[in-house]
Amino acid sequence: MTNSFLLLEKAQEEILKAWEWYEERESGLSDRFKQDVADKINSVVANPLFYPLKGKFREPTTNVFPF
């Protein structure tokens, strides 16, 4: 069975704003942020029960960035 996920539009907007913020701080930092987010999404999809529910959604944080 393959798991799927739903990235809400609000979350997409927040990720884009954070990406822009990191890019303004240091060139390339935004790409590291994007990879950290992608890695966490992949981890959630592969191991969804590892992350506790917050309401009806799983809401993990990234490993490197405070997001």
N, C-alpha and C. Protein backbone atom coordinates (compact mmCIF):
# COMPACT_ATOMS: atom_id res chain seq x y z
N MET A 1 0.83 -1.18 0.00
CA MET A 1 0.00 0.00 0.00
C MET A 1 0.88 1.24 0.00
N THR A 2 0.60 2.17 -0.89
CA THR A 2 1.34 3.42 -0.99
C THR A 2 0.58 4.51 -0.26
N ASN A 3 1.29 5.23 0.60
CA ASN A 3 0.68 6.34 1.31
C ASN A 3 0.71 7.59 0.45
N SER A 4 -0.20 8.48 0.71
CA SER A 4 -0.21 9.77 0.02
C SER A 4 -0.34 10.86 1.06
N PHE A 5 -0.20 12.08 0.62
CA PHE A 5 -0.33 13.19 1.55
C PHE A 5 -1.00 14.36 0.85
N LEU A 6 -1.50 15.27 1.64
CA LEU A 6 -2.14 16.46 1.13
C LEU A 6 -1.42 17.65 1.72
N LEU A 7 -0.83 18.47 0.87
CA LEU A 7 -0.17 19.68 1.30
C LEU A 7 -1.14 20.82 1.02
N LEU A 8 -1.74 21.33 2.08
CA LEU A 8 -2.74 22.38 1.94
C LEU A 8 -2.16 23.63 1.29
N GLU A 9 -3.02 24.38 0.62
CA GLU A 9 -2.59 25.60 -0.06
C GLU A 9 -1.92 26.56 0.93
N LYS A 10 -2.47 26.66 2.13
CA LYS A 10 -1.88 27.54 3.14
C LYS A 10 -0.46 27.08 3.47
N ALA A 11 -0.25 25.79 3.57
CA ALA A 11 1.09 25.26 3.85
C ALA A 11 2.03 25.55 2.69
N GLN A 12 1.54 25.40 1.48
CA GLN A 12 2.36 25.72 0.31
C GLN A 12 2.80 27.18 0.33
N GLU A 13 1.87 28.07 0.69
CA GLU A 13 2.19 29.50 0.77
C GLU A 13 3.23 29.77 1.85
N GLU A 14 3.09 29.11 2.99
CA GLU A 14 4.04 29.29 4.08
C GLU A 14 5.43 28.79 3.69
N ILE A 15 5.48 27.66 3.00
CA ILE A 15 6.76 27.12 2.55
C ILE A 15 7.41 28.08 1.56
N LEU A 16 6.64 28.63 0.63
CA LEU A 16 7.19 29.57 -0.34
C LEU A 16 7.71 30.82 0.35
N LYS A 17 6.96 31.36 1.32
CA LYS A 17 7.43 32.54 2.05
C LYS A 17 8.72 32.25 2.79
N ALA A 18 8.79 31.08 3.42
CA ALA A 18 10.01 30.71 4.14
C ALA A 18 11.17 30.54 3.17
N TRP A 19 10.91 29.93 2.02
CA TRP A 19 11.94 29.75 1.00
C TRP A 19 12.49 31.11 0.57
N GLU A 20 11.58 32.06 0.32
CA GLU A 20 12.00 33.41 -0.08
C GLU A 20 12.82 34.08 1.02
N TRP A 21 12.40 33.91 2.29
CA TRP A 21 13.10 34.50 3.41
C TRP A 21 14.52 33.96 3.49
N TYR A 22 14.67 32.63 3.37
CA TYR A 22 16.01 32.03 3.43
C TYR A 22 16.86 32.47 2.23
N GLU A 23 16.28 32.62 1.06
CA GLU A 23 17.02 33.05 -0.12
C GLU A 23 17.53 34.47 0.06
N GLU A 24 16.75 35.32 0.71
CA GLU A 24 17.19 36.70 0.97
C GLU A 24 18.37 36.73 1.94
N ARG A 25 18.43 35.76 2.85
CA ARG A 25 19.48 35.73 3.86
C ARG A 25 20.81 35.26 3.29
N GLU A 26 20.74 34.21 2.47
CA GLU A 26 21.98 33.63 1.93
C GLU A 26 21.66 32.80 0.69
N SER A 27 22.35 33.09 -0.38
CA SER A 27 22.13 32.35 -1.62
C SER A 27 22.39 30.86 -1.39
N GLY A 28 21.45 30.04 -1.80
CA GLY A 28 21.59 28.59 -1.65
C GLY A 28 20.96 28.05 -0.38
N LEU A 29 20.78 28.90 0.62
CA LEU A 29 20.17 28.45 1.87
C LEU A 29 18.74 27.99 1.62
N SER A 30 18.07 28.67 0.70
CA SER A 30 16.69 28.30 0.37
C SER A 30 16.61 26.90 -0.22
N ASP A 31 17.62 26.52 -0.98
CA ASP A 31 17.62 25.17 -1.56
C ASP A 31 17.82 24.11 -0.47
N ARG A 32 18.63 24.41 0.53
CA ARG A 32 18.79 23.49 1.66
C ARG A 32 17.48 23.36 2.42
N PHE A 33 16.79 24.49 2.59
CA PHE A 33 15.48 24.48 3.25
C PHE A 33 14.50 23.62 2.46
N LYS A 34 14.44 23.84 1.14
CA LYS A 34 13.53 23.07 0.29
C LYS A 34 13.80 21.57 0.39
N GLN A 35 15.08 21.19 0.43
CA GLN A 35 15.43 19.78 0.53
C GLN A 35 15.03 19.22 1.90
N ASP A 36 15.20 20.02 2.95
CA ASP A 36 14.82 19.57 4.30
C ASP A 36 13.31 19.33 4.36
N VAL A 37 12.53 20.22 3.75
CA VAL A 37 11.07 20.05 3.72
C VAL A 37 10.71 18.80 2.92
N ALA A 38 11.32 18.63 1.76
CA ALA A 38 11.03 17.46 0.92
C ALA A 38 11.40 16.16 1.64
N ASP A 39 12.54 16.15 2.33
CA ASP A 39 12.95 14.96 3.09
C ASP A 39 11.92 14.63 4.17
N LYS A 40 11.42 15.66 4.85
CA LYS A 40 10.44 15.43 5.93
C LYS A 40 9.13 14.91 5.35
N ILE A 41 8.69 15.47 4.23
CA ILE A 41 7.46 14.99 3.59
C ILE A 41 7.62 13.52 3.21
N ASN A 42 8.75 13.17 2.62
CA ASN A 42 9.00 11.77 2.24
C ASN A 42 9.00 10.86 3.46
N SER A 43 9.56 11.34 4.56
CA SER A 43 9.58 10.57 5.79
C SER A 43 8.16 10.34 6.33
N VAL A 44 7.34 11.37 6.27
CA VAL A 44 5.95 11.25 6.74
C VAL A 44 5.18 10.27 5.86
N VAL A 45 5.37 10.37 4.56
CA VAL A 45 4.66 9.46 3.65
C VAL A 45 5.11 8.01 3.89
N ALA A 46 6.40 7.81 4.13
CA ALA A 46 6.91 6.45 4.34
C ALA A 46 6.56 5.90 5.72
N ASN A 47 6.47 6.80 6.72
CA ASN A 47 6.25 6.36 8.11
C ASN A 47 5.22 7.24 8.80
N PRO A 48 4.00 7.28 8.32
CA PRO A 48 3.03 8.24 8.85
C PRO A 48 2.69 8.04 10.33
N LEU A 49 2.73 6.83 10.81
CA LEU A 49 2.35 6.61 12.20
C LEU A 49 3.44 7.02 13.19
N PHE A 50 4.63 7.31 12.69
CA PHE A 50 5.73 7.78 13.52
C PHE A 50 5.43 9.16 14.09
N TYR A 51 4.65 9.95 13.36
CA TYR A 51 4.35 11.32 13.75
C TYR A 51 2.98 11.40 14.40
N PRO A 52 2.88 12.03 15.56
CA PRO A 52 1.58 12.09 16.24
C PRO A 52 0.60 13.00 15.51
N LEU A 53 -0.66 12.70 15.68
CA LEU A 53 -1.71 13.54 15.09
C LEU A 53 -1.83 14.85 15.88
N LYS A 54 -2.06 15.92 15.14
CA LYS A 54 -2.44 17.20 15.72
C LYS A 54 -3.78 17.52 15.09
N GLY A 55 -4.84 17.24 15.81
CA GLY A 55 -6.17 17.32 15.21
C GLY A 55 -6.34 16.13 14.30
N LYS A 56 -6.60 16.38 13.02
CA LYS A 56 -6.74 15.28 12.07
C LYS A 56 -5.58 15.21 11.08
N PHE A 57 -4.51 15.96 11.36
CA PHE A 57 -3.36 15.99 10.47
C PHE A 57 -2.08 15.62 11.21
N ARG A 58 -1.10 15.14 10.48
CA ARG A 58 0.25 14.91 11.00
C ARG A 58 1.03 16.20 10.74
N GLU A 59 1.72 16.68 11.75
CA GLU A 59 2.39 17.98 11.62
C GLU A 59 3.82 17.91 12.17
N PRO A 60 4.73 17.29 11.42
CA PRO A 60 6.11 17.20 11.89
C PRO A 60 6.86 18.51 11.63
N THR A 61 8.01 18.64 12.25
CA THR A 61 8.88 19.79 11.97
C THR A 61 10.09 19.30 11.18
N THR A 62 10.73 20.22 10.48
CA THR A 62 11.91 19.87 9.70
C THR A 62 13.07 19.58 10.64
N ASN A 63 14.09 18.93 10.13
CA ASN A 63 15.22 18.53 10.95
C ASN A 63 16.22 19.66 11.20
N VAL A 64 16.46 20.49 10.20
CA VAL A 64 17.49 21.52 10.30
C VAL A 64 16.91 22.90 10.56
N PHE A 65 15.84 23.22 9.88
CA PHE A 65 15.26 24.56 9.95
C PHE A 65 14.09 24.60 10.92
N PRO A 66 13.90 25.72 11.60
CA PRO A 66 12.78 25.83 12.55
C PRO A 66 11.46 26.05 11.84
N PHE A 67 10.97 25.02 11.16
CA PHE A 67 9.76 25.14 10.35
C PHE A 67 8.89 23.95 10.57
